Amino acid sequence: MASTEQERIDAVSRYLLGEAASAICRALGRSRYWLYKWLKRYDPANPAWAIQWHLRQLGVAPLPAVWTINRILRRHGLVAKPRYLPRGTPYPAVVPPGPHHLHQLDLVGPRYLRGGARFYGVHLMDAYSNAVALEAVASKRAPEVVGALVAGWQRLGLPQVLQVDNELSLRGSNRYPRSFGLVVRVCLALGVQVVFIPEGEPWRNGIVERFNDVYDKLFLRAQWFRDLDELRAELPRFEAFHNTHHRYAKLGQRTPGEAHTASRRRLLPRRFRLPRRGLSWQDGRVSFIRLTDQAGTVRFFSERFLVDPTLVHEYVTGTIDTRMGRLTLAHQGRVVKVYRYVVTKHSRQL
């Protein structure tokens, strides 16, 4: 007999509500191995929170506490210990000292609804508190991404640093590499420094990347959405559930919401609107992290810069000061090379 998703959800729900495993298996015609397998696989990040979310979807009340679910799963040996990989080449990671310092942004997609509609998820996550702001857009054009980013900052508050990958809609144009795109310009206008992670290394945005897996399995694939409007209507509930229920060990078992609101936020006002006739330029800093090649050079957008012939396969940080028109390349905190870097500052239409 084929195993259906609803059958698995029902089995896990019944087990957590106290029904004996033997009774569940008899009723469903399943083995204990089958039941424990799906208990173990149910959540890609946190077994307790994943099961709690689905219990809420089923209308179970009152919901069992996360630590209660964890205790049951641990009793049956279903919570795996994390694996730690050895460190290699030193990486200049941005380490947030608290909430509101670093946000990680990921443009997820394209994803497809069961009816065939295509969309992209714009996922914003505070790297310290793990609080999220989630939006869904019809395309990855910069104006739509910026609209989602603004909406997210109206809920989470503005960070000091926004860390992104090298998606074209986030950075600008390969043809005009020193003319930053709308996303970067909006960040500069709001006093947010953008940091681009190395090309081809999405795990450097690992906090939001891990959340994306949870989003796929527990939200997108677990429900039927007729269209993008229906998905958008449900998304705030999933966002709120994560921020108020998921307890993280790194936060001392606090929820993201508790950790995120423990210090003052710089909320973007609800009335904030971007000008439609051109965004005025605001100077600031834009950074990138790159791994040098065999010649000791790095590439940013479509340009290549020599760092140092002796620095082969080492991570370096490049920082563009748009006011000074200068690019500074540093290795492990030491300035290695400085280039003149003049940015085109004409206004951009929305």
Protein backbone atom coordinates (compact mmCIF):
# COMPACT_ATOMS: atom_id res chain seq x y z
CA MET A 1 0.00 0.00 0.00
CA ALA A 2 1.40 3.43 -0.95
CA SER A 3 2.17 5.75 1.95
CA THR A 4 0.27 9.04 1.68
CA GLU A 5 1.32 12.29 3.31
CA GLN A 6 -1.96 12.61 5.18
CA GLU A 7 -1.58 9.07 6.53
CA ARG A 8 1.86 9.94 7.87
CA ILE A 9 0.58 13.17 9.45
CA ASP A 10 -2.29 11.30 11.11
CA ALA A 11 0.07 8.63 12.45
CA VAL A 12 2.47 11.16 13.96
CA SER A 13 -0.38 13.20 15.42
CA ARG A 14 -1.99 10.16 17.08
CA TYR A 15 1.35 9.08 18.51
CA LEU A 16 2.06 12.50 20.03
CA LEU A 17 -1.42 12.62 21.53
CA GLY A 18 -0.55 9.51 23.56
CA GLU A 19 -1.92 6.64 21.48
CA ALA A 20 0.20 3.49 21.65
CA ALA A 21 2.42 2.77 18.68
CA SER A 22 1.04 -0.76 18.44
CA ALA A 23 -2.55 0.52 18.20
CA ILE A 24 -1.63 3.03 15.49
CA CYS A 25 0.19 0.40 13.45
CA ARG A 26 -2.71 -2.07 13.74
CA ALA A 27 -5.24 0.56 12.67
CA LEU A 28 -3.20 1.62 9.66
CA GLY A 29 -1.84 -1.78 8.73
CA ARG A 30 1.70 -0.49 9.18
CA SER A 31 4.82 -1.68 10.97
CA ARG A 32 6.60 0.02 13.85
CA TYR A 33 9.54 0.59 11.50
CA TRP A 34 7.26 2.61 9.21
CA LEU A 35 5.94 4.74 12.07
CA TYR A 36 9.35 5.51 13.55
CA LYS A 37 10.80 6.21 10.11
CA TRP A 38 8.30 9.00 9.49
CA LEU A 39 8.66 10.38 12.99
CA LYS A 40 12.38 10.68 12.30
CA ARG A 41 12.04 12.19 8.84
CA TYR A 42 9.22 14.58 9.47
CA ASP A 43 11.21 17.76 10.04
CA PRO A 44 14.44 18.69 8.24
CA ALA A 45 15.52 21.11 10.96
CA ASN A 46 13.70 20.60 14.25
CA PRO A 47 11.51 17.52 14.77
CA ALA A 48 9.50 19.01 17.59
CA TRP A 49 8.62 22.29 15.88
CA ALA A 50 7.79 20.55 12.58
CA ILE A 51 5.35 18.18 14.23
CA GLN A 52 3.85 21.03 16.28
CA TRP A 53 3.16 23.01 13.09
CA HIS A 54 1.33 20.08 11.51
CA LEU A 55 -0.67 19.41 14.68
CA ARG A 56 -1.86 23.00 14.51
CA GLN A 57 -2.79 22.52 10.85
CA LEU A 58 -4.91 19.56 11.93
CA GLY A 59 -6.72 21.65 14.53
CA VAL A 60 -5.26 19.83 17.53
CA ALA A 61 -5.80 21.79 20.76
CA PRO A 62 -4.17 22.28 23.12
CA LEU A 63 -0.88 21.90 21.27
CA PRO A 64 1.77 19.83 23.07
CA ALA A 65 4.77 21.95 24.05
CA VAL A 66 7.94 21.70 21.97
CA TRP A 67 9.90 20.24 24.88
CA THR A 68 7.21 17.60 25.37
CA ILE A 69 7.50 16.53 21.74
CA ASN A 70 11.30 16.60 22.01
CA ARG A 71 11.19 14.38 25.10
CA ILE A 72 9.06 11.79 23.28
CA LEU A 73 11.31 11.82 20.21
CA ARG A 74 14.48 11.52 22.31
CA ARG A 75 12.98 8.63 24.24
CA HIS A 76 12.77 6.71 20.98
CA GLY A 77 16.17 7.84 19.72
CA LEU A 78 14.73 9.93 16.90
CA VAL A 79 16.71 13.15 17.40
CA ALA A 80 20.05 13.00 15.60
CA LYS A 81 23.09 14.82 16.95
CA PRO A 82 24.46 17.55 14.65
CA ARG A 83 27.54 16.77 12.62
CA TYR A 84 30.39 19.26 12.68
CA LEU A 85 32.68 19.54 9.70
CA PRO A 86 36.35 20.49 10.19
CA ARG A 87 37.35 24.03 9.35
CA GLY A 88 39.38 24.63 6.23
CA THR A 89 40.54 27.92 4.75
CA PRO A 90 39.74 30.80 7.16
CA TYR A 91 36.52 32.52 6.09
CA PRO A 92 35.78 36.17 6.96
CA ALA A 93 32.22 35.57 8.08
CA VAL A 94 30.06 38.41 9.35
CA VAL A 95 29.25 37.38 12.93
CA PRO A 96 26.27 39.24 14.43
CA PRO A 97 26.74 40.27 18.10
CA GLY A 98 22.98 40.47 18.54
CA PRO A 99 19.71 40.91 16.65
CA HIS A 100 19.26 43.63 14.01
CA HIS A 101 22.91 43.48 12.97
CA LEU A 102 22.88 40.96 10.08
CA HIS A 103 20.04 39.81 7.85
CA GLN A 104 20.43 37.07 5.29
CA LEU A 105 18.30 37.38 2.15
CA ASP A 106 17.56 34.57 -0.26
CA LEU A 107 15.52 34.61 -3.45
CA VAL A 108 14.02 31.11 -3.64
CA GLY A 109 12.75 29.71 -6.86
CA PRO A 110 11.18 29.45 -9.18
CA ARG A 111 8.70 27.35 -7.23
CA TYR A 112 5.50 26.01 -8.74
CA LEU A 113 2.07 25.65 -7.22
CA ARG A 114 0.14 22.49 -7.97
CA GLY A 115 -2.02 24.39 -10.39
CA GLY A 116 1.08 25.35 -12.39
CA ALA A 117 1.53 28.98 -11.27
CA ARG A 118 5.16 30.04 -10.87
CA PHE A 119 6.45 32.27 -8.09
CA TYR A 120 9.58 33.19 -6.10
CA GLY A 121 9.97 33.31 -2.35
CA VAL A 122 11.76 36.33 -0.87
CA HIS A 123 13.03 35.09 2.49
CA LEU A 124 14.61 37.50 4.96
CA MET A 125 16.10 36.15 8.19
CA ASP A 126 17.87 37.75 11.13
CA ALA A 127 21.10 35.74 11.50
CA TYR A 128 21.14 36.11 15.30
CA SER A 129 17.50 35.66 16.33
CA ASN A 130 16.37 33.53 13.33
CA ALA A 131 13.26 35.69 13.05
CA VAL A 132 11.93 35.61 9.48
CA ALA A 133 9.93 37.85 7.16
CA LEU A 134 8.49 35.97 4.19
CA GLU A 135 7.08 37.26 0.93
CA ALA A 136 6.08 35.68 -2.40
CA VAL A 137 6.47 37.49 -5.72
CA ALA A 138 5.48 36.66 -9.28
CA SER A 139 8.93 37.39 -10.74
CA LYS A 140 12.45 38.11 -9.55
CA ARG A 141 12.58 41.56 -11.14
CA ALA A 142 14.30 44.05 -8.87
CA PRO A 143 11.19 46.21 -8.15
CA GLU A 144 9.30 43.18 -6.86
CA VAL A 145 12.24 42.04 -4.75
CA VAL A 146 12.63 45.54 -3.33
CA GLY A 147 8.92 45.68 -2.48
CA ALA A 148 9.26 42.40 -0.58
CA LEU A 149 12.40 43.61 1.18
CA VAL A 150 10.71 46.84 2.29
CA ALA A 151 7.70 44.89 3.61
CA GLY A 152 10.04 42.57 5.52
CA TRP A 153 11.91 45.46 7.13
CA GLN A 154 8.61 47.02 8.18
CA ARG A 155 8.11 43.91 10.34
CA LEU A 156 11.65 42.88 11.34
CA GLY A 157 13.32 46.28 11.40
CA LEU A 158 16.38 47.43 9.47
CA PRO A 159 19.71 45.63 9.94
CA GLN A 160 23.18 47.12 9.74
CA VAL A 161 24.22 44.54 7.13
CA LEU A 162 22.28 42.62 4.47
CA GLN A 163 24.03 39.49 3.19
CA VAL A 164 23.00 38.22 -0.26
CA ASP A 165 24.13 35.87 -3.01
CA ASN A 166 25.12 36.97 -6.51
CA GLU A 167 21.73 36.71 -8.20
CA LEU A 168 21.65 39.25 -11.04
CA SER A 169 18.46 40.93 -9.82
CA LEU A 170 20.15 41.59 -6.47
CA ARG A 171 23.32 43.16 -7.82
CA GLY A 172 22.65 45.00 -11.07
CA SER A 173 24.12 44.56 -14.54
CA ASN A 174 27.06 42.59 -15.95
CA ARG A 175 27.27 45.12 -18.77
CA TYR A 176 27.63 48.08 -16.39
CA PRO A 177 29.38 46.54 -13.35
CA ARG A 178 29.89 49.85 -11.52
CA SER A 179 26.26 50.91 -11.81
CA PHE A 180 24.55 49.19 -8.88
CA GLY A 181 21.04 47.85 -9.23
CA LEU A 182 17.90 48.91 -7.40
CA VAL A 183 18.31 46.52 -4.47
CA VAL A 184 21.77 47.86 -3.60
CA ARG A 185 20.64 51.47 -4.10
CA VAL A 186 17.68 51.04 -1.76
CA CYS A 187 19.95 49.50 0.87
CA LEU A 188 22.38 52.41 0.58
CA ALA A 189 19.50 54.88 0.84
CA LEU A 190 18.37 53.21 4.08
CA GLY A 191 21.86 53.00 5.58
CA VAL A 192 22.24 49.24 5.14
CA GLN A 193 25.56 47.78 3.98
CA VAL A 194 25.26 44.98 1.42
CA VAL A 195 27.65 42.01 1.56
CA PHE A 196 27.80 39.56 -1.37
CA ILE A 197 28.85 36.03 -0.43
CA PRO A 198 31.29 34.07 -2.65
CA GLU A 199 29.97 32.90 -6.01
CA GLY A 200 28.88 29.26 -6.01
CA GLU A 201 28.85 28.98 -2.20
CA PRO A 202 25.20 29.28 -1.11
CA TRP A 203 25.98 27.65 2.25
CA ARG A 204 27.57 30.94 3.32
CA ASN A 205 23.96 32.07 3.77
CA GLY A 206 23.38 28.85 5.67
CA ILE A 207 20.94 30.16 8.26
CA VAL A 208 18.30 31.17 5.74
CA GLU A 209 19.19 28.22 3.46
CA ARG A 210 18.32 25.76 6.23
CA PHE A 211 15.07 27.56 6.83
CA ASN A 212 14.24 27.24 3.11
CA ASP A 213 14.19 23.46 3.52
CA VAL A 214 11.71 23.79 6.39
CA TYR A 215 9.57 26.14 4.29
CA ASP A 216 9.50 23.70 1.36
CA LYS A 217 8.58 20.63 3.37
CA LEU A 218 6.30 22.05 6.03
CA PHE A 219 4.56 24.86 4.21
CA LEU A 220 4.74 24.69 0.43
CA ARG A 221 4.44 20.92 -0.05
CA ALA A 222 2.16 20.29 2.90
CA GLN A 223 -0.76 22.41 1.67
CA TRP A 224 -2.75 22.91 -1.49
CA PHE A 225 -2.69 26.46 -2.87
CA ARG A 226 -4.92 27.28 -5.81
CA ASP A 227 -2.98 30.39 -6.77
CA LEU A 228 -0.41 32.90 -5.58
CA ASP A 229 -3.02 35.02 -3.80
CA GLU A 230 -4.03 32.06 -1.64
CA LEU A 231 -0.40 31.30 -0.80
CA ARG A 232 0.22 34.94 0.12
CA ALA A 233 -2.80 34.90 2.41
CA GLU A 234 -1.47 31.87 4.31
CA LEU A 235 2.19 32.92 4.44
CA PRO A 236 1.85 35.36 7.40
CA ARG A 237 0.44 32.56 9.56
CA PHE A 238 3.43 30.33 8.84
CA GLU A 239 5.82 33.23 9.46
CA ALA A 240 4.15 34.05 12.77
CA PHE A 241 4.12 30.42 13.87
CA HIS A 242 7.85 30.09 13.24
CA ASN A 243 8.69 33.33 15.01
CA THR A 244 6.58 32.57 18.09
CA HIS A 245 6.89 28.77 18.49
CA HIS A 246 10.24 27.50 17.21
CA ARG A 247 12.66 27.38 20.14
CA TYR A 248 16.37 27.38 19.32
CA ALA A 249 19.11 25.95 21.52
CA LYS A 250 21.46 28.77 20.46
CA LEU A 251 18.93 31.24 21.91
CA GLY A 252 18.66 29.45 25.24
CA GLN A 253 15.37 27.84 24.14
CA ARG A 254 13.85 31.22 23.40
CA THR A 255 11.75 31.73 20.28
CA PRO A 256 12.99 33.97 17.45
CA GLY A 257 10.37 36.53 18.40
CA GLU A 258 11.54 36.65 22.00
CA ALA A 259 15.20 37.07 21.00
CA HIS A 260 14.43 39.53 18.22
CA THR A 261 12.40 41.95 20.32
CA ALA A 262 14.75 41.84 23.32
CA SER A 263 16.58 44.89 21.98
CA ARG A 264 15.40 48.01 20.22
CA ARG A 265 14.54 47.75 16.53
CA ARG A 266 14.85 50.36 13.79
CA LEU A 267 11.52 49.61 12.12
CA LEU A 268 10.92 50.92 8.63
CA PRO A 269 7.70 52.97 8.93
CA ARG A 270 4.53 51.47 7.46
CA ARG A 271 4.01 54.68 5.52
CA PHE A 272 7.41 54.36 3.83
CA ARG A 273 7.17 54.43 0.03
CA LEU A 274 9.91 54.45 -2.59
CA PRO A 275 9.83 57.37 -5.02
CA ARG A 276 8.57 56.32 -8.45
CA ARG A 277 10.35 59.04 -10.40
CA GLY A 278 13.85 58.07 -9.47
CA LEU A 279 15.70 57.01 -6.34
CA SER A 280 18.20 59.63 -5.22
CA TRP A 281 21.71 58.39 -4.60
CA GLN A 282 23.04 57.88 -1.07
CA ASP A 283 26.71 57.05 -0.51
CA GLY A 284 27.71 54.09 1.61
CA ARG A 285 29.57 50.80 1.54
CA VAL A 286 29.12 47.65 -0.51
CA SER A 287 31.23 44.58 0.25
CA PHE A 288 31.92 41.17 -1.22
CA ILE A 289 33.76 38.03 -0.12
CA ARG A 290 35.69 36.04 -2.70
CA LEU A 291 38.11 33.12 -2.95
CA THR A 292 41.24 34.01 -4.90
CA ASP A 293 42.19 31.91 -7.91
CA GLN A 294 45.56 30.38 -8.80
CA ALA A 295 46.83 33.82 -9.92
CA GLY A 296 45.75 35.56 -6.70
CA THR A 297 42.88 37.44 -8.36
CA VAL A 298 39.17 37.76 -7.60
CA ARG A 299 36.10 38.63 -9.65
CA PHE A 300 33.34 41.00 -8.62
CA PHE A 301 30.46 41.29 -11.06
CA SER A 302 32.15 41.13 -14.47
CA GLU A 303 35.50 42.67 -13.41
CA ARG A 304 38.63 40.96 -12.17
CA PHE A 305 41.05 42.40 -9.61
CA LEU A 306 44.54 41.31 -8.62
CA VAL A 307 44.81 40.83 -4.85
CA ASP A 308 48.27 39.33 -4.38
CA PRO A 309 50.05 36.61 -6.43
CA THR A 310 51.11 34.96 -3.17
CA LEU A 311 47.51 34.70 -1.88
CA VAL A 312 46.25 31.64 -3.74
CA HIS A 313 42.92 30.05 -2.80
CA GLU A 314 42.42 32.37 0.16
CA TYR A 315 39.28 34.28 1.09
CA VAL A 316 39.46 38.05 0.88
CA THR A 317 36.98 40.84 1.55
CA GLY A 318 36.47 43.70 -0.86
CA THR A 319 34.82 46.90 0.39
CA ILE A 320 33.66 49.66 -1.95
CA ASP A 321 33.39 53.11 -0.40
CA THR A 322 31.15 54.91 -2.89
CA ARG A 323 31.86 58.38 -1.46
CA MET A 324 35.63 57.96 -1.70
CA GLY A 325 35.44 56.04 -5.00
CA ARG A 326 37.69 53.37 -3.58
CA LEU A 327 37.83 49.56 -3.45
CA THR A 328 39.83 48.09 -0.56
CA LEU A 329 40.84 44.41 -0.63
CA ALA A 330 41.73 42.81 2.71
CA HIS A 331 42.95 39.38 3.84
CA GLN A 332 42.34 38.35 7.46
CA GLY A 333 41.92 41.98 8.48
CA ARG A 334 45.03 43.23 6.66
CA VAL A 335 44.68 45.62 3.73
CA VAL A 336 46.37 44.08 0.70
CA LYS A 337 45.38 46.27 -2.24
CA VAL A 338 43.46 49.50 -2.91
CA TYR A 339 41.89 50.38 -6.27
CA ARG A 340 40.13 53.47 -7.56
CA TYR A 341 36.48 52.48 -8.04
CA VAL A 342 34.09 55.16 -9.28
CA VAL A 343 30.43 54.23 -9.12
CA THR A 344 27.77 55.56 -11.51
CA LYS A 345 25.34 57.48 -9.31
CA HIS A 346 22.53 58.60 -11.62
CA SER A 347 19.00 58.02 -10.34
CA ARG A 348 17.07 54.85 -11.17
CA GLN A 349 13.42 54.57 -12.08
CA LEU A 350 11.19 52.10 -10.25
